[in-house]
N, C-alpha and C. Protein backbone atom coordinates (compact mmCIF):
# COMPACT_ATOMS: atom_id res chain seq x y z
N MET A 1 105.94 71.86 167.21
CA MET A 1 105.08 71.28 166.22
C MET A 1 103.66 71.47 166.50
N GLU A 2 102.77 71.74 165.78
CA GLU A 2 101.45 71.89 165.71
C GLU A 2 100.44 70.94 165.34
N PHE A 3 99.59 70.51 166.20
CA PHE A 3 98.66 69.59 165.83
C PHE A 3 97.48 70.23 165.13
N ASN A 4 97.36 69.53 164.06
CA ASN A 4 95.99 69.98 163.21
C ASN A 4 95.05 69.12 163.52
N HIS A 5 93.66 69.24 162.90
CA HIS A 5 92.62 68.35 162.96
C HIS A 5 92.73 67.06 162.54
N ARG A 6 93.57 66.67 161.39
CA ARG A 6 93.82 65.44 161.00
C ARG A 6 94.77 64.58 162.05
N MET A 7 95.71 65.46 162.63
CA MET A 7 96.73 64.74 163.36
C MET A 7 95.98 64.20 164.77
N LYS A 8 95.11 65.01 165.17
CA LYS A 8 94.15 64.75 166.25
C LYS A 8 93.20 63.57 166.19
N GLN A 9 92.54 63.63 165.14
CA GLN A 9 91.74 62.53 164.75
C GLN A 9 92.35 61.36 164.51
N GLY A 10 93.92 61.27 163.89
CA GLY A 10 94.40 59.89 163.86
C GLY A 10 94.97 59.44 165.26
N LEU A 11 95.16 60.59 166.09
CA LEU A 11 95.79 59.91 167.48
C LEU A 11 94.61 59.51 168.33
N PHE A 12 93.53 60.14 167.99
CA PHE A 12 92.53 59.42 168.73
C PHE A 12 92.10 58.13 168.42
N PHE A 13 91.90 58.06 167.18
CA PHE A 13 91.68 56.58 166.44
C PHE A 13 92.50 55.76 166.78
N GLY A 14 93.74 55.95 167.02
CA GLY A 14 94.87 55.17 167.42
C GLY A 14 94.81 54.50 168.88
N ILE A 15 94.23 55.54 169.52
CA ILE A 15 94.08 55.16 170.95
C ILE A 15 93.11 54.36 171.22
N ILE A 16 91.87 54.55 170.67
CA ILE A 16 90.61 53.86 170.64
C ILE A 16 91.06 52.30 170.19
N ALA A 17 91.77 52.14 169.16
CA ALA A 17 91.87 50.90 168.60
C ALA A 17 93.20 50.20 169.37
N GLY A 18 93.87 50.72 170.15
CA GLY A 18 94.75 50.40 171.06
C GLY A 18 94.18 49.87 172.40
N ILE A 19 93.28 50.66 172.72
CA ILE A 19 92.39 50.30 174.03
C ILE A 19 91.89 48.77 173.68
N VAL A 20 91.29 48.89 172.42
CA VAL A 20 90.51 47.67 172.18
C VAL A 20 91.44 46.30 171.77
N LEU A 21 92.57 46.70 171.25
CA LEU A 21 93.50 45.55 171.04
C LEU A 21 93.82 45.17 172.36
N ALA A 22 94.31 46.13 173.50
CA ALA A 22 94.94 45.71 174.43
C ALA A 22 93.90 44.85 175.38
N ILE A 23 92.66 45.43 175.44
CA ILE A 23 91.80 44.50 176.23
C ILE A 23 91.35 43.02 175.64
N GLY A 24 91.57 42.82 174.32
CA GLY A 24 91.37 41.46 173.79
C GLY A 24 92.48 40.87 173.96
N THR A 25 93.81 41.23 173.85
CA THR A 25 94.69 40.48 174.13
C THR A 25 95.01 40.13 175.76
N TYR A 26 94.67 40.84 176.52
CA TYR A 26 94.74 40.81 177.76
C TYR A 26 93.93 39.56 178.17
N GLY A 27 92.65 39.82 177.58
CA GLY A 27 91.51 38.62 178.04
C GLY A 27 92.11 37.39 177.33
N LEU A 28 92.90 37.31 176.46
CA LEU A 28 93.21 35.87 175.88
C LEU A 28 94.47 35.48 176.48
N THR A 29 95.44 36.43 176.93
CA THR A 29 96.86 35.83 177.53
C THR A 29 96.90 36.11 178.98
N GLY A 30 96.08 37.30 179.45
CA GLY A 30 96.21 37.60 180.88
C GLY A 30 97.55 38.48 181.14
N HIS A 31 98.34 38.60 180.34
CA HIS A 31 99.54 39.06 180.59
C HIS A 31 99.40 40.52 180.38
N PRO A 32 99.98 41.75 181.47
CA PRO A 32 99.70 42.99 181.68
C PRO A 32 100.37 43.65 180.60
N GLY A 33 101.59 43.14 179.99
CA GLY A 33 102.29 43.86 179.12
C GLY A 33 101.68 44.33 177.75
N CYS A 34 100.32 43.78 177.63
CA CYS A 34 99.66 43.84 176.16
C CYS A 34 98.89 45.32 176.36
N PHE A 35 99.29 45.89 177.47
CA PHE A 35 98.58 47.39 177.72
C PHE A 35 99.75 48.37 176.71
N LEU A 36 101.01 47.76 176.72
CA LEU A 36 101.81 48.57 175.84
C LEU A 36 101.37 48.79 174.54
N LEU A 37 100.27 48.05 174.11
CA LEU A 37 99.64 48.27 172.61
C LEU A 37 99.08 49.80 172.39
N ILE A 38 98.78 50.15 173.67
CA ILE A 38 97.97 51.46 173.50
C ILE A 38 98.75 52.65 173.02
N PRO A 39 99.95 52.72 173.69
CA PRO A 39 100.45 53.85 173.04
C PRO A 39 101.23 53.50 171.59
N VAL A 40 101.54 52.55 171.24
CA VAL A 40 102.09 51.86 170.07
C VAL A 40 101.27 52.03 168.84
N THR A 41 99.98 51.94 169.01
CA THR A 41 98.90 52.16 168.19
C THR A 41 98.52 53.53 168.12
N ALA A 42 98.63 54.16 169.12
CA ALA A 42 98.41 55.78 169.10
C ALA A 42 99.20 56.50 168.27
N VAL A 43 100.63 55.92 168.16
CA VAL A 43 101.56 56.48 167.49
C VAL A 43 101.37 56.04 165.74
N MET A 44 100.89 54.97 165.69
CA MET A 44 100.54 54.31 164.44
C MET A 44 99.61 55.31 163.79
N GLY A 45 98.51 55.74 164.43
CA GLY A 45 97.38 56.39 163.96
C GLY A 45 97.90 57.96 163.67
N LEU A 46 98.89 58.43 164.51
CA LEU A 46 99.46 59.72 164.18
C LEU A 46 100.47 59.62 162.90
N ALA A 47 101.22 58.77 162.90
CA ALA A 47 102.43 58.91 161.87
C ALA A 47 102.03 59.21 160.37
N PRO A 48 100.82 58.48 159.97
CA PRO A 48 100.63 58.98 158.71
C PRO A 48 100.12 60.41 158.28
N GLN A 49 99.61 60.93 159.28
CA GLN A 49 99.26 62.23 159.38
C GLN A 49 100.29 63.24 159.30
N MET A 50 101.46 62.71 160.15
CA MET A 50 102.57 63.53 160.34
C MET A 50 103.49 63.33 159.01
N LEU A 51 103.34 62.69 158.02
CA LEU A 51 104.24 62.27 157.04
C LEU A 51 103.52 62.94 155.95
N GLN A 52 102.15 63.60 155.85
CA GLN A 52 101.87 64.30 154.82
C GLN A 52 102.52 65.69 154.47
N THR A 53 102.62 66.22 153.51
CA THR A 53 103.06 67.28 153.03
C THR A 53 102.20 68.67 153.14
N ARG A 54 102.37 69.87 153.33
CA ARG A 54 101.52 70.77 153.59
C ARG A 54 100.51 71.01 152.35
N GLU A 55 101.14 70.87 151.07
CA GLU A 55 100.47 70.99 150.04
C GLU A 55 99.10 70.15 149.63
N GLU A 56 99.52 68.93 150.33
CA GLU A 56 98.21 67.91 150.63
C GLU A 56 96.98 68.38 151.22
N ASP A 57 97.18 69.36 152.13
CA ASP A 57 96.01 70.06 153.00
C ASP A 57 94.96 70.60 152.29
């Protein structure tokens, strides 16, 4: 699979959102498992870009 510009952008913003959410929830709960939100939100940012067809580019 080849990553195009939109996929990289979705992944980047997903990572940024995951870091913000992980730090916020860790600050509230103190549980280190909150850092699992980083890869989850990264995949959530990437997924819509992977579902688009080639004709929509």
